[in-house]
Amino acid sequence: MQKFNLILLAAFIFFLTIHVTAQEENEEKDKDKEKKWRWEWQFDDLDFSLRKSKPTISLQYGLSKMQREDLSTSIADPALFELKLGYIKDKKAWGRDDIIKHNFRYLFLSNISNDISGKEGTVDNLATDTWKFGFGRSSGYGYKLSESAAIIPYYTYTLNWSRVDFTKPDVLTLLPDPDADIINLYDESFRFGSSGEGGLRIQFIDNIAIEAGYERAIVFQRHLFWKWAGSAVIEGAAQGLLDTFINEIFKSSPAAGPIVNFVLKNALAYGIYELRQEKMNWPFSSEAPLAFDQFKFGVTFVF
């Protein structure tokens, strides 16, 4: 299955490369317009100022599933609470009043615990209590329905640090030696990780929005910087190719752009995190990570 996913991902990237090459002649015709748009797009992505941004608080609850490919002992499903503090910037896109470009940059703190889900652990079904903090960026294109209402499909990427506490008493002495060794790599220690999330934010009035999303996150047993950086560059390059392709969609069919952007960027992220289930720094040789799959629901207040 992993090999199939790898072949599919490689074929997808190859297709995008061919498509971009085929568009060169057409792009030359509207070179000035394209250059202007690309400059605005790049500037927006690199703009970390708070100008025209609105302070934002987001509260979320979710259901989580934890696993590691080479861990034979199962982990009881926890639940989570999450707090995000940041700034949202929405603006018109592609010269249309009904399409907006959405950016939400934030810091977050979350607790993922069996104390929240109410599911007790056993020797064969371990209980955990995880604290996680980090920073993230949520982006996407949405549909503006009125002056105060909008629907925004989004893609989110985070970098974070997690402290996992396996709370089952005497867990290390009761588990098989291989499992005890793996758990000891994480237990009561801060570990680096990353995540990707896709979801939908619905805004009914200016200051309040509700949202739902699905997140895939991994926690590294150790941080091998160069392998992690190489894997991140591959992911970033693939997302960059998608951005170029999505640009072409917006130019030909602007109304379809927000949905295509949402589907393609999140499909790519899902595939990459699937490949990282066995190799945390895919495609480079590395151990399996501790993985989280989470459904999240929440409310966002924009000031």
Protein backbone atom coordinates (compact mmCIF):
# COMPACT_ATOMS: atom_id res chain seq x y z
CA MET A 1 0.00 0.00 0.00
CA GLN A 2 2.86 2.37 0.84
CA LYS A 3 4.51 1.64 -2.52
CA PHE A 4 1.23 2.33 -4.32
CA ASN A 5 0.87 5.66 -2.49
CA LEU A 6 4.43 6.58 -3.42
CA ILE A 7 3.86 5.76 -7.09
CA LEU A 8 0.58 7.72 -7.08
CA LEU A 9 2.21 10.76 -5.48
CA ALA A 10 5.14 10.68 -7.92
CA ALA A 11 2.78 10.40 -10.89
CA PHE A 12 0.71 13.31 -9.59
CA ILE A 13 3.75 15.57 -9.23
CA PHE A 14 4.98 14.52 -12.71
CA PHE A 15 1.57 15.41 -14.20
CA LEU A 16 1.69 18.86 -12.62
CA THR A 17 5.20 19.44 -13.97
CA ILE A 18 4.09 18.54 -17.52
CA HIS A 19 1.05 20.77 -17.19
CA VAL A 20 3.10 23.76 -16.04
CA THR A 21 5.48 23.32 -19.01
CA ALA A 22 2.58 23.19 -21.44
CA GLN A 23 1.24 26.50 -20.12
CA GLU A 24 4.40 28.52 -20.80
CA GLU A 25 3.29 29.88 -24.19
CA ASN A 26 -0.12 30.94 -22.89
CA GLU A 27 1.42 32.61 -19.85
CA GLU A 28 3.71 34.68 -22.08
CA LYS A 29 0.66 36.38 -23.63
CA ASP A 30 -0.45 37.87 -20.34
CA LYS A 31 3.00 38.21 -18.82
CA ASP A 32 2.45 41.59 -17.20
CA LYS A 33 -0.78 40.51 -15.55
CA GLU A 34 0.75 37.27 -14.34
CA LYS A 35 3.79 38.97 -12.88
CA LYS A 36 1.59 41.38 -10.97
CA TRP A 37 -0.53 38.57 -9.52
CA ARG A 38 2.46 36.44 -8.58
CA TRP A 39 4.05 39.37 -6.80
CA GLU A 40 0.89 39.99 -4.82
CA TRP A 41 0.57 36.25 -4.00
CA GLN A 42 4.17 35.90 -2.86
CA PHE A 43 4.03 39.10 -0.83
CA ASP A 44 0.85 37.94 0.87
CA ASP A 45 2.44 34.61 1.82
CA LEU A 46 5.49 36.34 3.27
CA ASP A 47 3.57 39.15 4.94
CA PHE A 48 3.76 38.62 8.70
CA SER A 49 2.64 42.12 9.62
CA LEU A 50 -0.60 42.62 11.51
CA ARG A 51 -1.86 45.36 9.19
CA LYS A 52 -5.51 44.75 8.30
CA SER A 53 -5.45 41.56 10.40
CA LYS A 54 -8.05 40.90 13.09
CA PRO A 55 -7.27 39.39 16.53
CA THR A 56 -8.79 35.92 16.75
CA ILE A 57 -9.57 33.34 19.44
CA SER A 58 -10.53 29.80 18.44
CA LEU A 59 -11.79 27.08 20.82
CA GLN A 60 -11.97 23.47 19.66
CA TYR A 61 -13.01 20.04 20.91
CA GLY A 62 -12.08 16.83 19.15
CA LEU A 63 -11.84 13.05 19.05
CA SER A 64 -8.40 11.53 18.64
CA LYS A 65 -6.84 8.20 17.71
CA MET A 66 -3.18 7.49 18.56
CA GLN A 67 -0.99 4.75 17.13
CA ARG A 68 2.49 3.80 16.01
CA GLU A 69 3.08 1.25 13.25
CA ASP A 70 5.52 -0.91 15.22
CA LEU A 71 3.72 -0.70 18.59
CA SER A 72 1.84 -3.93 19.34
CA THR A 73 0.01 -2.53 22.38
CA SER A 74 -3.00 -0.37 21.52
CA ILE A 75 -3.67 3.11 22.91
CA ALA A 76 -7.08 4.08 24.27
CA ASP A 77 -8.73 6.81 22.19
CA PRO A 78 -8.42 10.20 23.92
CA ALA A 79 -10.30 13.45 23.28
CA LEU A 80 -8.93 16.98 23.06
CA PHE A 81 -9.43 20.63 23.91
CA GLU A 82 -7.51 23.24 21.94
CA LEU A 83 -7.01 27.00 22.18
CA LYS A 84 -5.71 29.12 19.29
CA LEU A 85 -4.68 32.76 19.53
CA GLY A 86 -3.77 34.61 16.37
CA TYR A 87 -4.74 36.96 13.58
CA ILE A 88 -7.04 36.45 10.61
CA LYS A 89 -6.74 38.38 7.36
CA ASP A 90 -9.42 38.01 4.67
CA LYS A 91 -9.40 39.97 1.43
CA LYS A 92 -10.97 39.88 -2.02
CA ALA A 93 -9.21 37.64 -4.52
CA TRP A 94 -8.92 37.60 -8.31
CA GLY A 95 -10.77 40.90 -8.61
CA ARG A 96 -14.07 39.26 -7.64
CA ASP A 97 -16.39 40.33 -4.86
CA ASP A 98 -17.60 36.78 -4.18
CA ILE A 99 -14.18 35.10 -3.66
CA ILE A 100 -11.92 35.82 -0.69
CA LYS A 101 -8.39 34.77 0.23
CA HIS A 102 -8.15 33.60 3.84
CA ASN A 103 -5.11 33.53 6.13
CA PHE A 104 -5.04 32.65 9.83
CA ARG A 105 -1.68 32.63 11.61
CA TYR A 106 -1.76 31.53 15.23
CA LEU A 107 -0.17 30.02 18.32
CA PHE A 108 -1.96 27.09 19.94
CA LEU A 109 -2.10 24.98 23.08
CA SER A 110 -3.95 21.67 23.30
CA ASN A 111 -4.55 18.87 25.77
CA ILE A 112 -5.21 15.39 24.35
CA SER A 113 -6.20 13.09 27.17
CA ASN A 114 -8.22 10.09 28.29
CA ASP A 115 -9.41 12.24 31.17
CA ILE A 116 -11.36 14.24 28.57
CA SER A 117 -12.73 11.23 26.66
CA GLY A 118 -13.53 9.29 29.84
CA LYS A 119 -11.96 6.10 28.45
CA GLU A 120 -9.83 4.38 31.04
CA GLY A 121 -6.63 2.59 30.11
CA THR A 122 -5.63 -1.01 30.73
CA VAL A 123 -2.44 -2.99 30.30
CA ASP A 124 -3.48 -3.77 26.70
CA ASN A 125 -5.06 -0.38 25.98
CA LEU A 126 -2.86 2.39 27.31
CA ALA A 127 -4.11 5.69 28.70
CA THR A 128 -2.30 8.92 27.78
CA ASP A 129 -2.23 12.59 28.67
CA THR A 130 -0.60 14.81 26.02
CA TRP A 131 0.12 18.53 26.11
CA LYS A 132 0.98 20.13 22.79
CA PHE A 133 1.93 23.67 21.77
CA GLY A 134 3.17 25.26 18.58
CA PHE A 135 2.32 27.60 15.73
CA GLY A 136 0.37 27.15 12.53
CA ARG A 137 -0.99 28.73 9.40
CA SER A 138 -4.43 28.12 7.96
CA SER A 139 -5.08 29.31 4.41
CA GLY A 140 -7.55 28.90 1.61
CA TYR A 141 -10.01 30.58 -0.71
CA GLY A 142 -13.65 30.98 0.24
CA TYR A 143 -17.00 32.17 -1.02
CA LYS A 144 -18.37 35.43 0.32
CA LEU A 145 -22.15 35.05 0.63
CA SER A 146 -22.91 38.53 2.00
CA GLU A 147 -21.21 41.38 3.85
CA SER A 148 -20.95 39.24 6.99
CA ALA A 149 -21.30 35.62 5.81
CA ALA A 150 -18.77 33.35 4.13
CA ILE A 151 -17.87 29.69 3.60
CA ILE A 152 -14.12 28.96 3.65
CA PRO A 153 -12.57 25.54 2.91
CA TYR A 154 -9.05 25.61 4.34
CA TYR A 155 -5.72 23.81 4.59
CA THR A 156 -3.58 24.07 7.73
CA TYR A 157 0.04 23.23 8.51
CA THR A 158 1.60 23.34 11.99
CA LEU A 159 4.95 22.81 13.68
CA ASN A 160 4.64 21.77 17.31
CA TRP A 161 6.11 20.19 20.42
CA SER A 162 4.33 17.47 22.41
CA ARG A 163 4.78 16.01 25.88
CA VAL A 164 3.14 12.59 26.05
CA ASP A 165 2.55 11.01 29.46
CA PHE A 166 1.57 7.33 29.40
CA THR A 167 -0.51 7.31 32.57
CA LYS A 168 -1.21 3.60 33.03
CA PRO A 169 0.52 2.58 36.34
CA ASP A 170 3.64 0.43 35.94
CA VAL A 171 3.24 0.57 32.17
CA LEU A 172 6.92 0.05 31.40
CA THR A 173 7.23 -3.04 33.58
CA LEU A 174 4.04 -4.72 32.32
CA LEU A 175 4.54 -4.27 28.57
CA PRO A 176 6.64 -6.45 26.24
CA ASP A 177 10.22 -5.18 26.06
CA PRO A 178 9.98 -3.74 22.48
CA ASP A 179 6.85 -1.75 23.37
CA ALA A 180 8.37 -0.54 26.63
CA ASP A 181 11.45 0.69 24.75
CA ILE A 182 9.30 2.61 22.24
CA ILE A 183 7.10 4.21 24.89
CA ASN A 184 10.15 5.20 26.92
CA LEU A 185 11.28 7.34 23.95
CA TYR A 186 8.22 9.59 24.40
CA ASP A 187 7.05 9.23 28.00
CA GLU A 188 7.18 12.53 29.90
CA SER A 189 9.49 14.15 27.32
CA PHE A 190 8.96 16.98 24.84
CA ARG A 191 9.19 15.85 21.21
CA PHE A 192 9.03 17.79 17.94
CA GLY A 193 6.27 17.14 15.40
CA SER A 194 4.13 18.52 12.59
CA SER A 195 0.59 18.23 11.30
CA GLY A 196 -1.69 18.87 8.35
CA GLU A 197 -5.40 19.64 8.57
CA GLY A 198 -8.26 20.20 6.18
CA GLY A 199 -11.59 21.64 7.15
CA LEU A 200 -14.46 24.03 6.61
CA ARG A 201 -15.09 27.34 8.35
CA ILE A 202 -18.59 28.82 8.14
CA GLN A 203 -19.13 32.44 9.12
CA PHE A 204 -22.68 33.65 9.70
CA ILE A 205 -21.91 37.05 11.21
CA ASP A 206 -18.83 39.27 11.32
CA ASN A 207 -17.44 38.11 14.64
CA ILE A 208 -18.31 34.41 14.94
CA ALA A 209 -17.59 31.34 12.81
CA ILE A 210 -17.99 27.61 13.36
CA GLU A 211 -15.62 25.05 11.89
CA ALA A 212 -14.92 21.35 11.52
CA GLY A 213 -11.71 19.69 10.40
CA TYR A 214 -9.70 16.49 10.13
CA GLU A 215 -6.06 16.57 11.26
CA ARG A 216 -3.16 14.14 10.78
CA ALA A 217 -0.24 14.76 13.12
CA ILE A 218 3.04 12.99 13.85
CA VAL A 219 5.44 13.19 16.79
CA PHE A 220 9.08 12.29 16.16
CA GLN A 221 10.90 10.07 18.62
CA ARG A 222 13.96 12.22 17.88
CA HIS A 223 14.53 15.22 15.64
CA LEU A 224 16.95 14.47 12.78
CA PHE A 225 17.15 17.98 11.35
CA TRP A 226 18.59 17.34 7.87
CA LYS A 227 16.29 14.41 7.12
CA TRP A 228 13.31 16.36 8.43
CA ALA A 229 14.34 19.41 6.37
CA GLY A 230 14.70 17.27 3.23
CA SER A 231 11.25 15.78 3.73
CA ALA A 232 9.78 19.24 4.38
CA VAL A 233 11.39 20.64 1.21
CA ILE A 234 9.84 17.82 -0.85
CA GLU A 235 6.42 18.56 0.65
CA GLY A 236 6.86 22.30 0.08
CA ALA A 237 7.93 21.78 -3.54
CA ALA A 238 4.89 19.58 -4.20
CA GLN A 239 2.60 22.17 -2.62
CA GLY A 240 4.30 24.85 -4.74
CA LEU A 241 3.56 22.91 -7.93
CA LEU A 242 -0.04 22.64 -6.79
CA ASP A 243 -0.21 26.40 -6.26
CA THR A 244 0.89 26.96 -9.86
CA PHE A 245 -1.71 24.49 -11.13
CA ILE A 246 -4.44 26.01 -8.94
CA ASN A 247 -3.49 29.42 -10.34
CA GLU A 248 -4.44 28.13 -13.79
CA ILE A 249 -7.78 26.87 -12.45
CA PHE A 250 -8.56 30.29 -11.01
CA LYS A 251 -7.73 32.02 -14.30
CA SER A 252 -10.04 29.78 -16.32
CA SER A 253 -12.79 28.98 -13.77
CA PRO A 254 -12.59 31.27 -10.71
CA ALA A 255 -15.76 29.89 -9.13
CA ALA A 256 -14.25 26.39 -9.00
CA GLY A 257 -10.93 27.59 -7.57
CA PRO A 258 -11.71 27.45 -3.82
CA ILE A 259 -12.96 23.84 -4.02
CA VAL A 260 -10.09 22.67 -6.23
CA ASN A 261 -7.59 24.37 -3.90
CA PHE A 262 -9.13 22.63 -0.88
CA VAL A 263 -9.29 19.17 -2.44
CA LEU A 264 -5.83 19.11 -4.03
CA LYS A 265 -3.84 20.63 -1.18
CA ASN A 266 -5.44 18.42 1.46
CA ALA A 267 -5.22 15.29 -0.70
CA LEU A 268 -1.49 15.88 -1.13
CA ALA A 269 -1.03 16.47 2.61
CA TYR A 270 -3.00 13.31 3.45
CA GLY A 271 -0.87 11.24 1.08
CA ILE A 272 2.41 12.58 2.46
CA TYR A 273 1.37 11.94 6.07
CA GLU A 274 0.27 8.43 5.08
CA LEU A 275 3.76 7.80 3.71
CA ARG A 276 5.23 9.13 6.96
CA GLN A 277 3.39 6.54 9.05
CA GLU A 278 6.28 4.10 8.56
CA LYS A 279 9.08 6.63 7.91
CA MET A 280 8.71 9.84 9.87
CA ASN A 281 11.10 11.64 7.48
CA TRP A 282 9.85 10.03 4.27
CA PRO A 283 11.40 9.29 1.80
CA PHE A 284 14.56 9.10 3.93
CA SER A 285 15.30 6.09 6.12
CA SER A 286 13.88 6.78 9.59
CA GLU A 287 11.77 5.27 12.35
CA ALA A 288 7.98 5.30 12.57
CA PRO A 289 6.47 8.28 14.42
CA LEU A 290 3.72 8.42 17.00
CA ALA A 291 0.68 9.35 14.90
CA PHE A 292 -2.55 11.18 15.73
CA ASP A 293 -5.72 11.20 13.60
CA GLN A 294 -8.19 13.76 14.92
CA PHE A 295 -11.65 15.08 14.12
CA LYS A 296 -12.03 18.62 15.48
CA PHE A 297 -15.02 20.93 15.93
CA GLY A 298 -14.98 24.46 17.22
CA VAL A 299 -16.02 28.07 17.29
CA THR A 300 -13.90 31.07 16.30
CA PHE A 301 -14.29 34.63 17.56
CA VAL A 302 -12.93 37.44 15.36
CA PHE A 303 -12.52 40.90 16.89
